[in-house]
Amino acid sequence: MPQRRLLIDLENVPTSDYNLLPEDFLVMPFIGSQQESVPLAFIELARAGRLEECKVTSTGKNALDFHLAFYLGRLSCTDIRR
């Protein structure tokens, strides 16, 4: 079964209980350069191998949004189901 991904813009999405997601989800939080902390829920996901952090070091208007859009485009090209 293909692994599903959840891309999260942590600058705009409130904390949630991501551990309630089905086990085939890989959680990909996009962390802005100005963010100093991440939700504690990510610790359990990391232990289970279900977390892929994307730290954005660029600053500027919509920098995190552009990174998220890029990753989404790249994933849509590499994960096309036939």
C-alpha atoms as a PDB file:
ATOM      1  CA  MET A   1       0.000   0.000   0.000  1.00  0.00           C
ATOM      2  CA  PRO A   2       1.472   3.418  -0.920  1.00  0.00           C
ATOM      3  CA  GLN A   3       2.363   5.726   1.889  1.00  0.00           C
ATOM      4  CA  ARG A   4       0.209   8.834   2.159  1.00  0.00           C
ATOM      5  CA  ARG A   5       1.740  12.166   3.126  1.00  0.00           C
ATOM      6  CA  LEU A   6       0.373  15.067   5.110  1.00  0.00           C
ATOM      7  CA  LEU A   7       2.167  18.357   4.368  1.00  0.00           C
ATOM      8  CA  ILE A   8       1.632  20.912   7.144  1.00  0.00           C
ATOM      9  CA  ASP A   9       2.355  24.632   7.133  1.00  0.00           C
ATOM     10  CA  LEU A  10       3.156  25.049  10.828  1.00  0.00           C
ATOM     11  CA  GLU A  11       2.986  28.829  10.568  1.00  0.00           C
ATOM     12  CA  ASN A  12      -0.739  28.646   9.762  1.00  0.00           C
ATOM     13  CA  VAL A  13      -2.068  25.366  11.146  1.00  0.00           C
ATOM     14  CA  PRO A  14      -2.784  25.039  14.852  1.00  0.00           C
ATOM     15  CA  THR A  15      -1.429  22.107  16.801  1.00  0.00           C
ATOM     16  CA  SER A  16      -3.389  18.922  16.398  1.00  0.00           C
ATOM     17  CA  ASP A  17      -3.086  15.304  17.494  1.00  0.00           C
ATOM     18  CA  TYR A  18      -1.323  13.878  14.475  1.00  0.00           C
ATOM     19  CA  ASN A  19      -0.964  10.527  16.218  1.00  0.00           C
ATOM     20  CA  LEU A  20      -4.641   9.887  15.404  1.00  0.00           C
ATOM     21  CA  LEU A  21      -3.792   9.590  11.704  1.00  0.00           C
ATOM     22  CA  PRO A  22      -3.711   6.099  10.180  1.00  0.00           C
ATOM     23  CA  GLU A  23      -0.290   4.458  10.310  1.00  0.00           C
ATOM     24  CA  ASP A  24       0.313   4.761   6.560  1.00  0.00           C
ATOM     25  CA  PHE A  25       0.619   8.571   6.844  1.00  0.00           C
ATOM     26  CA  LEU A  26       4.006  10.271   6.740  1.00  0.00           C
ATOM     27  CA  VAL A  27       3.696  13.679   8.405  1.00  0.00           C
ATOM     28  CA  MET A  28       5.782  16.416   6.760  1.00  0.00           C
ATOM     29  CA  PRO A  29       5.700  19.621   8.814  1.00  0.00           C
ATOM     30  CA  PHE A  30       7.210  22.692   7.157  1.00  0.00           C
ATOM     31  CA  ILE A  31       8.904  24.684   9.898  1.00  0.00           C
ATOM     32  CA  GLY A  32       9.575  28.372   9.303  1.00  0.00           C
ATOM     33  CA  SER A  33      12.927  29.987  10.055  1.00  0.00           C
ATOM     34  CA  GLN A  34      11.367  32.110  12.819  1.00  0.00           C
ATOM     35  CA  GLN A  35       9.641  29.214  14.608  1.00  0.00           C
ATOM     36  CA  GLU A  36      11.326  28.261  17.843  1.00  0.00           C
ATOM     37  CA  SER A  37       9.314  25.203  18.804  1.00  0.00           C
ATOM     38  CA  VAL A  38       7.350  22.381  17.257  1.00  0.00           C
ATOM     39  CA  PRO A  39       4.408  20.429  18.706  1.00  0.00           C
ATOM     40  CA  LEU A  40       5.304  17.660  21.144  1.00  0.00           C
ATOM     41  CA  ALA A  41       3.081  15.299  19.150  1.00  0.00           C
ATOM     42  CA  PHE A  42       5.897  15.064  16.611  1.00  0.00           C
ATOM     43  CA  ILE A  43       8.131  13.191  19.069  1.00  0.00           C
ATOM     44  CA  GLU A  44       6.013  10.048  18.903  1.00  0.00           C
ATOM     45  CA  LEU A  45       5.747  10.299  15.121  1.00  0.00           C
ATOM     46  CA  ALA A  46       9.538  10.600  14.840  1.00  0.00           C
ATOM     47  CA  ARG A  47      10.029   7.529  17.034  1.00  0.00           C
ATOM     48  CA  ALA A  48       7.672   5.580  14.789  1.00  0.00           C
ATOM     49  CA  GLY A  49       9.466   6.738  11.625  1.00  0.00           C
ATOM     50  CA  ARG A  50       6.411   8.670  10.466  1.00  0.00           C
ATOM     51  CA  LEU A  51       7.911  12.181  10.473  1.00  0.00           C
ATOM     52  CA  GLU A  52       9.953  14.017   7.862  1.00  0.00           C
ATOM     53  CA  GLU A  53      10.685  17.572   9.018  1.00  0.00           C
ATOM     54  CA  CYS A  54      11.233  20.238   6.383  1.00  0.00           C
ATOM     55  CA  LYS A  55      13.073  23.147   7.982  1.00  0.00           C
ATOM     56  CA  VAL A  56      12.846  26.282   5.828  1.00  0.00           C
ATOM     57  CA  THR A  57      15.835  28.576   6.355  1.00  0.00           C
ATOM     58  CA  SER A  58      14.734  31.204   3.833  1.00  0.00           C
ATOM     59  CA  THR A  59      12.970  34.287   5.082  1.00  0.00           C
ATOM     60  CA  GLY A  60      10.560  36.589   3.341  1.00  0.00           C
ATOM     61  CA  LYS A  61       6.948  36.851   2.440  1.00  0.00           C
ATOM     62  CA  ASN A  62       5.472  33.414   1.703  1.00  0.00           C
ATOM     63  CA  ALA A  63       8.869  31.656   1.834  1.00  0.00           C
ATOM     64  CA  LEU A  64       7.397  28.657   3.630  1.00  0.00           C
ATOM     65  CA  ASP A  65       4.424  28.539   1.240  1.00  0.00           C
ATOM     66  CA  PHE A  66       6.744  28.411  -1.781  1.00  0.00           C
ATOM     67  CA  HIS A  67       8.762  25.565  -0.257  1.00  0.00           C
ATOM     68  CA  LEU A  68       5.590  23.628   0.493  1.00  0.00           C
ATOM     69  CA  ALA A  69       4.322  24.155  -3.068  1.00  0.00           C
ATOM     70  CA  PHE A  70       7.655  22.974  -4.477  1.00  0.00           C
ATOM     71  CA  TYR A  71       7.600  19.776  -2.399  1.00  0.00           C
ATOM     72  CA  LEU A  72       3.997  19.132  -3.362  1.00  0.00           C
ATOM     73  CA  GLY A  73       4.879  19.461  -7.050  1.00  0.00           C
ATOM     74  CA  ARG A  74       7.920  17.204  -6.682  1.00  0.00           C
ATOM     75  CA  LEU A  75       5.902  14.563  -4.833  1.00  0.00           C
ATOM     76  CA  SER A  76       3.132  14.667  -7.427  1.00  0.00           C
ATOM     77  CA  CYS A  77       5.703  13.898 -10.136  1.00  0.00           C
ATOM     78  CA  THR A  78       7.459  11.074  -8.285  1.00  0.00           C
ATOM     79  CA  ASP A  79       4.488   9.390  -6.627  1.00  0.00           C
ATOM     80  CA  ILE A  80       2.107   9.087  -9.569  1.00  0.00           C
ATOM     81  CA  ARG A  81       0.153   5.854  -9.307  1.00  0.00           C
ATOM     82  CA  ARG A  82      -0.217   3.865 -12.507  1.00  0.00           C
END
